[in-house]
Amino acid sequence: MRLSCTSCKEYITHSIYELNDISEATTSYESGKAFITYDSSLVSIEDIRKTINKTGYSAKNIIKP
């Protein structure tokens, strides 16, 4: 995702935290990446992708450790 300002970064991070059971979420304006810690038994990668897409940005290359 390519972010145009720090407000965008905060908007995406806040939107991710609105999902249940997100332990940690950080979004980097510089790299355009989000790092998310969550309970995969309670929230799915698809839920996270949809949430990011709803902000007007696109979640690509999601890597599940």
PDB file of N, CA and C in Angstrom:
ATOM      1  N   MET A   1       0.849  -1.164   0.000  1.00  0.00           N
ATOM      2  CA  MET A   1       0.000   0.000   0.000  1.00  0.00           C
ATOM      3  C   MET A   1       0.891   1.222   0.000  1.00  0.00           C
ATOM      4  N   ARG A   2       0.544   2.191  -0.773  1.00  0.00           N
ATOM      5  CA  ARG A   2       1.319   3.425  -0.863  1.00  0.00           C
ATOM      6  C   ARG A   2       0.563   4.513  -0.115  1.00  0.00           C
ATOM      7  N   LEU A   3       1.182   5.011   0.943  1.00  0.00           N
ATOM      8  CA  LEU A   3       0.533   6.015   1.780  1.00  0.00           C
ATOM      9  C   LEU A   3       0.990   7.404   1.375  1.00  0.00           C
ATOM     10  N   SER A   4       0.055   8.348   1.385  1.00  0.00           N
ATOM     11  CA  SER A   4       0.392   9.696   0.954  1.00  0.00           C
ATOM     12  C   SER A   4       0.666  10.649   2.118  1.00  0.00           C
ATOM     13  N   CYS A   5       0.302  10.256   3.346  1.00  0.00           N
ATOM     14  CA  CYS A   5       0.556  11.134   4.491  1.00  0.00           C
ATOM     15  C   CYS A   5       0.465  10.341   5.794  1.00  0.00           C
ATOM     16  N   THR A   6       0.924  10.953   6.868  1.00  0.00           N
ATOM     17  CA  THR A   6       0.894  10.262   8.160  1.00  0.00           C
ATOM     18  C   THR A   6      -0.532  10.087   8.676  1.00  0.00           C
ATOM     19  N   SER A   7      -1.436  10.959   8.282  1.00  0.00           N
ATOM     20  CA  SER A   7      -2.840  10.796   8.687  1.00  0.00           C
ATOM     21  C   SER A   7      -3.422   9.514   8.102  1.00  0.00           C
ATOM     22  N   CYS A   8      -3.017   9.180   6.891  1.00  0.00           N
ATOM     23  CA  CYS A   8      -3.465   7.939   6.252  1.00  0.00           C
ATOM     24  C   CYS A   8      -2.983   6.733   7.065  1.00  0.00           C
ATOM     25  N   LYS A   9      -1.746   6.792   7.503  1.00  0.00           N
ATOM     26  CA  LYS A   9      -1.161   5.731   8.323  1.00  0.00           C
ATOM     27  C   LYS A   9      -1.990   5.532   9.588  1.00  0.00           C
ATOM     28  N   GLU A  10      -2.329   6.623  10.252  1.00  0.00           N
ATOM     29  CA  GLU A  10      -3.116   6.547  11.483  1.00  0.00           C
ATOM     30  C   GLU A  10      -4.526   6.013  11.211  1.00  0.00           C
ATOM     31  N   TYR A  11      -5.109   6.417  10.105  1.00  0.00           N
ATOM     32  CA  TYR A  11      -6.450   5.958   9.726  1.00  0.00           C
ATOM     33  C   TYR A  11      -6.469   4.444   9.514  1.00  0.00           C
ATOM     34  N   ILE A  12      -5.488   3.928   8.813  1.00  0.00           N
ATOM     35  CA  ILE A  12      -5.414   2.485   8.565  1.00  0.00           C
ATOM     36  C   ILE A  12      -5.191   1.734   9.874  1.00  0.00           C
ATOM     37  N   THR A  13      -4.251   2.206  10.690  1.00  0.00           N
ATOM     38  CA  THR A  13      -3.965   1.550  11.972  1.00  0.00           C
ATOM     39  C   THR A  13      -5.214   1.525  12.845  1.00  0.00           C
ATOM     40  N   HIS A  14      -5.897   2.648  12.938  1.00  0.00           N
ATOM     41  CA  HIS A  14      -7.129   2.716  13.746  1.00  0.00           C
ATOM     42  C   HIS A  14      -8.184   1.745  13.210  1.00  0.00           C
ATOM     43  N   SER A  15      -8.325   1.678  11.905  1.00  0.00           N
ATOM     44  CA  SER A  15      -9.313   0.772  11.298  1.00  0.00           C
ATOM     45  C   SER A  15      -8.998  -0.684  11.620  1.00  0.00           C
ATOM     46  N   ILE A  16      -7.737  -1.046  11.592  1.00  0.00           N
ATOM     47  CA  ILE A  16      -7.339  -2.420  11.915  1.00  0.00           C
ATOM     48  C   ILE A  16      -7.679  -2.737  13.364  1.00  0.00           C
ATOM     49  N   TYR A  17      -7.401  -1.791  14.270  1.00  0.00           N
ATOM     50  CA  TYR A  17      -7.694  -2.017  15.689  1.00  0.00           C
ATOM     51  C   TYR A  17      -9.187  -2.166  15.965  1.00  0.00           C
ATOM     52  N   GLU A  18     -10.039  -1.697  15.061  1.00  0.00           N
ATOM     53  CA  GLU A  18     -11.475  -1.851  15.259  1.00  0.00           C
ATOM     54  C   GLU A  18     -11.924  -3.313  15.102  1.00  0.00           C
ATOM     55  N   LEU A  19     -11.092  -4.132  14.476  1.00  0.00           N
ATOM     56  CA  LEU A  19     -11.380  -5.568  14.416  1.00  0.00           C
ATOM     57  C   LEU A  19     -11.179  -6.170  15.799  1.00  0.00           C
ATOM     58  N   ASN A  20     -11.933  -7.187  16.115  1.00  0.00           N
ATOM     59  CA  ASN A  20     -11.772  -7.862  17.404  1.00  0.00           C
ATOM     60  C   ASN A  20     -10.477  -8.652  17.435  1.00  0.00           C
ATOM     61  N   ASP A  21      -9.872  -8.700  18.592  1.00  0.00           N
ATOM     62  CA  ASP A  21      -8.728  -9.563  18.862  1.00  0.00           C
ATOM     63  C   ASP A  21      -7.465  -9.218  18.075  1.00  0.00           C
ATOM     64  N   ILE A  22      -7.264  -7.942  17.801  1.00  0.00           N
ATOM     65  CA  ILE A  22      -5.992  -7.480  17.254  1.00  0.00           C
ATOM     66  C   ILE A  22      -5.114  -7.114  18.443  1.00  0.00           C
ATOM     67  N   SER A  23      -3.990  -7.774  18.583  1.00  0.00           N
ATOM     68  CA  SER A  23      -3.089  -7.521  19.708  1.00  0.00           C
ATOM     69  C   SER A  23      -2.233  -6.289  19.473  1.00  0.00           C
ATOM     70  N   GLU A  24      -1.759  -6.149  18.232  1.00  0.00           N
ATOM     71  CA  GLU A  24      -0.894  -5.025  17.899  1.00  0.00           C
ATOM     72  C   GLU A  24      -0.998  -4.734  16.409  1.00  0.00           C
ATOM     73  N   ALA A  25      -0.986  -3.459  16.073  1.00  0.00           N
ATOM     74  CA  ALA A  25      -1.004  -3.049  14.667  1.00  0.00           C
ATOM     75  C   ALA A  25      -0.173  -1.788  14.522  1.00  0.00           C
ATOM     76  N   THR A  26       0.782  -1.834  13.618  1.00  0.00           N
ATOM     77  CA  THR A  26       1.568  -0.649  13.294  1.00  0.00           C
ATOM     78  C   THR A  26       1.612  -0.531  11.777  1.00  0.00           C
ATOM     79  N   THR A  27       1.552   0.689  11.317  1.00  0.00           N
ATOM     80  CA  THR A  27       1.606   0.951   9.889  1.00  0.00           C
ATOM     81  C   THR A  27       2.753   1.917   9.641  1.00  0.00           C
ATOM     82  N   SER A  28       3.579   1.619   8.668  1.00  0.00           N
ATOM     83  CA  SER A  28       4.718   2.462   8.352  1.00  0.00           C
ATOM     84  C   SER A  28       4.415   3.320   7.130  1.00  0.00           C
ATOM     85  N   TYR A  29       4.451   4.614   7.328  1.00  0.00           N
ATOM     86  CA  TYR A  29       4.250   5.554   6.224  1.00  0.00           C
ATOM     87  C   TYR A  29       5.370   5.400   5.197  1.00  0.00           C
ATOM     88  N   GLU A  30       6.589   5.255   5.683  1.00  0.00           N
ATOM     89  CA  GLU A  30       7.755   5.189   4.811  1.00  0.00           C
ATOM     90  C   GLU A  30       7.761   3.947   3.916  1.00  0.00           C
ATOM     91  N   SER A  31       7.463   2.786   4.506  1.00  0.00           N
ATOM     92  CA  SER A  31       7.532   1.540   3.729  1.00  0.00           C
ATOM     93  C   SER A  31       6.195   1.150   3.109  1.00  0.00           C
ATOM     94  N   GLY A  32       5.103   1.731   3.625  1.00  0.00           N
ATOM     95  CA  GLY A  32       3.778   1.367   3.123  1.00  0.00           C
ATOM     96  C   GLY A  32       3.339  -0.009   3.580  1.00  0.00           C
ATOM     97  N   LYS A  33       3.895  -0.469   4.709  1.00  0.00           N
ATOM     98  CA  LYS A  33       3.562  -1.799   5.219  1.00  0.00           C
ATOM     99  C   LYS A  33       2.887  -1.705   6.578  1.00  0.00           C
ATOM    100  N   ALA A  34       2.034  -2.671   6.830  1.00  0.00           N
ATOM    101  CA  ALA A  34       1.400  -2.798   8.139  1.00  0.00           C
ATOM    102  C   ALA A  34       1.870  -4.108   8.771  1.00  0.00           C
ATOM    103  N   PHE A  35       2.128  -4.056  10.053  1.00  0.00           N
ATOM    104  CA  PHE A  35       2.527  -5.236  10.809  1.00  0.00           C
ATOM    105  C   PHE A  35       1.469  -5.461  11.874  1.00  0.00           C
ATOM    106  N   ILE A  36       0.868  -6.648  11.842  1.00  0.00           N
ATOM    107  CA  ILE A  36      -0.308  -6.914  12.674  1.00  0.00           C
ATOM    108  C   ILE A  36      -0.117  -8.216  13.435  1.00  0.00           C
ATOM    109  N   THR A  37      -0.380  -8.172  14.734  1.00  0.00           N
ATOM    110  CA  THR A  37      -0.372  -9.363  15.564  1.00  0.00           C
ATOM    111  C   THR A  37      -1.820  -9.619  15.980  1.00  0.00           C
ATOM    112  N   TYR A  38      -2.290 -10.831  15.748  1.00  0.00           N
ATOM    113  CA  TYR A  38      -3.690 -11.132  16.002  1.00  0.00           C
ATOM    114  C   TYR A  38      -3.868 -12.608  16.310  1.00  0.00           C
ATOM    115  N   ASP A  39      -5.039 -12.947  16.838  1.00  0.00           N
ATOM    116  CA  ASP A  39      -5.391 -14.335  17.126  1.00  0.00           C
ATOM    117  C   ASP A  39      -6.105 -14.901  15.897  1.00  0.00           C
ATOM    118  N   SER A  40      -5.429 -15.779  15.171  1.00  0.00           N
ATOM    119  CA  SER A  40      -5.983 -16.294  13.912  1.00  0.00           C
ATOM    120  C   SER A  40      -7.200 -17.195  14.106  1.00  0.00           C
ATOM    121  N   SER A  41      -7.456 -17.597  15.332  1.00  0.00           N
ATOM    122  CA  SER A  41      -8.671 -18.381  15.578  1.00  0.00           C
ATOM    123  C   SER A  41      -9.891 -17.471  15.732  1.00  0.00           C
ATOM    124  N   LEU A  42      -9.650 -16.156  15.848  1.00  0.00           N
ATOM    125  CA  LEU A  42     -10.746 -15.215  16.064  1.00  0.00           C
ATOM    126  C   LEU A  42     -10.927 -14.190  14.947  1.00  0.00           C
ATOM    127  N   VAL A  43      -9.881 -13.935  14.196  1.00  0.00           N
ATOM    128  CA  VAL A  43      -9.951 -12.987  13.080  1.00  0.00           C
ATOM    129  C   VAL A  43      -9.126 -13.574  11.933  1.00  0.00           C
ATOM    130  N   SER A  44      -9.599 -13.394  10.717  1.00  0.00           N
ATOM    131  CA  SER A  44      -8.910 -13.993   9.569  1.00  0.00           C
ATOM    132  C   SER A  44      -8.116 -12.943   8.795  1.00  0.00           C
ATOM    133  N   ILE A  45      -7.186 -13.433   7.993  1.00  0.00           N
ATOM    134  CA  ILE A  45      -6.442 -12.542   7.112  1.00  0.00           C
ATOM    135  C   ILE A  45      -7.410 -11.847   6.159  1.00  0.00           C
ATOM    136  N   GLU A  46      -8.431 -12.550   5.733  1.00  0.00           N
ATOM    137  CA  GLU A  46      -9.417 -11.944   4.825  1.00  0.00           C
ATOM    138  C   GLU A  46     -10.147 -10.792   5.517  1.00  0.00           C
ATOM    139  N   ASP A  47     -10.449 -10.922   6.808  1.00  0.00           N
ATOM    140  CA  ASP A  47     -11.065  -9.819   7.559  1.00  0.00           C
ATOM    141  C   ASP A  47     -10.147  -8.595   7.574  1.00  0.00           C
ATOM    142  N   ILE A  48      -8.867  -8.855   7.794  1.00  0.00           N
ATOM    143  CA  ILE A  48      -7.884  -7.765   7.818  1.00  0.00           C
ATOM    144  C   ILE A  48      -7.786  -7.125   6.439  1.00  0.00           C
ATOM    145  N   ARG A  49      -7.705  -7.945   5.410  1.00  0.00           N
ATOM    146  CA  ARG A  49      -7.624  -7.430   4.029  1.00  0.00           C
ATOM    147  C   ARG A  49      -8.838  -6.556   3.716  1.00  0.00           C
ATOM    148  N   LYS A  50     -10.029  -7.019   4.032  1.00  0.00           N
ATOM    149  CA  LYS A  50     -11.248  -6.253   3.755  1.00  0.00           C
ATOM    150  C   LYS A  50     -11.250  -4.929   4.500  1.00  0.00           C
ATOM    151  N   THR A  51     -10.781  -4.955   5.741  1.00  0.00           N
ATOM    152  CA  THR A  51     -10.743  -3.731   6.546  1.00  0.00           C
ATOM    153  C   THR A  51      -9.799  -2.707   5.927  1.00  0.00           C
ATOM    154  N   ILE A  52      -8.623  -3.150   5.511  1.00  0.00           N
ATOM    155  CA  ILE A  52      -7.672  -2.233   4.871  1.00  0.00           C
ATOM    156  C   ILE A  52      -8.234  -1.728   3.548  1.00  0.00           C
ATOM    157  N   ASN A  53      -8.836  -2.608   2.768  1.00  0.00           N
ATOM    158  CA  ASN A  53      -9.412  -2.194   1.487  1.00  0.00           C
ATOM    159  C   ASN A  53     -10.522  -1.162   1.665  1.00  0.00           C
ATOM    160  N   LYS A  54     -11.275  -1.255   2.754  1.00  0.00           N
ATOM    161  CA  LYS A  54     -12.348  -0.287   3.023  1.00  0.00           C
ATOM    162  C   LYS A  54     -11.812   1.116   3.278  1.00  0.00           C
ATOM    163  N   THR A  55     -10.539   1.222   3.651  1.00  0.00           N
ATOM    164  CA  THR A  55      -9.953   2.550   3.887  1.00  0.00           C
ATOM    165  C   THR A  55      -9.578   3.240   2.580  1.00  0.00           C
ATOM    166  N   GLY A  56      -9.665   2.501   1.472  1.00  0.00           N
ATOM    167  CA  GLY A  56      -9.289   3.062   0.184  1.00  0.00           C
ATOM    168  C   GLY A  56      -7.898   2.643  -0.262  1.00  0.00           C
ATOM    169  N   TYR A  57      -7.235   1.880   0.588  1.00  0.00           N
ATOM    170  CA  TYR A  57      -5.916   1.346   0.241  1.00  0.00           C
ATOM    171  C   TYR A  57      -6.067  -0.137  -0.047  1.00  0.00           C
ATOM    172  N   SER A  58      -5.060  -0.719  -0.602  1.00  0.00           N
ATOM    173  CA  SER A  58      -5.154  -2.111  -1.008  1.00  0.00           C
ATOM    174  C   SER A  58      -4.130  -2.947  -0.251  1.00  0.00           C
ATOM    175  N   ALA A  59      -4.605  -4.028   0.336  1.00  0.00           N
ATOM    176  CA  ALA A  59      -3.742  -4.945   1.078  1.00  0.00           C
ATOM    177  C   ALA A  59      -3.237  -6.006   0.107  1.00  0.00           C
ATOM    178  N   LYS A  60      -1.938  -6.019  -0.094  1.00  0.00           N
ATOM    179  CA  LYS A  60      -1.314  -6.994  -1.018  1.00  0.00           C
ATOM    180  C   LYS A  60      -0.223  -7.738  -0.281  1.00  0.00           C
ATOM    181  N   ASN A  61       0.131  -8.874  -0.827  1.00  0.00           N
ATOM    182  CA  ASN A  61       1.268  -9.642  -0.323  1.00  0.00           C
ATOM    183  C   ASN A  61       1.212  -9.881   1.183  1.00  0.00           C
ATOM    184  N   ILE A  62       0.073 -10.332   1.636  1.00  0.00           N
ATOM    185  CA  ILE A  62      -0.070 -10.634   3.062  1.00  0.00           C
ATOM    186  C   ILE A  62       0.702 -11.913   3.355  1.00  0.00           C
ATOM    187  N   ILE A  63       1.585 -11.825   4.332  1.00  0.00           N
ATOM    188  CA  ILE A  63       2.423 -12.955   4.718  1.00  0.00           C
ATOM    189  C   ILE A  63       1.980 -13.429   6.092  1.00  0.00           C
ATOM    190  N   LYS A  64       1.632 -14.682   6.165  1.00  0.00           N
ATOM    191  CA  LYS A  64       1.232 -15.265   7.439  1.00  0.00           C
ATOM    192  C   LYS A  64       2.415 -16.083   7.972  1.00  0.00           C
ATOM    193  N   PRO A  65       2.931 -15.681   9.140  1.00  0.00           N
ATOM    194  CA  PRO A  65       4.087 -16.403   9.690  1.00  0.00           C
ATOM    195  C   PRO A  65       3.768 -17.818  10.104  1.00  0.00           C
TER     196      PRO A  65
END
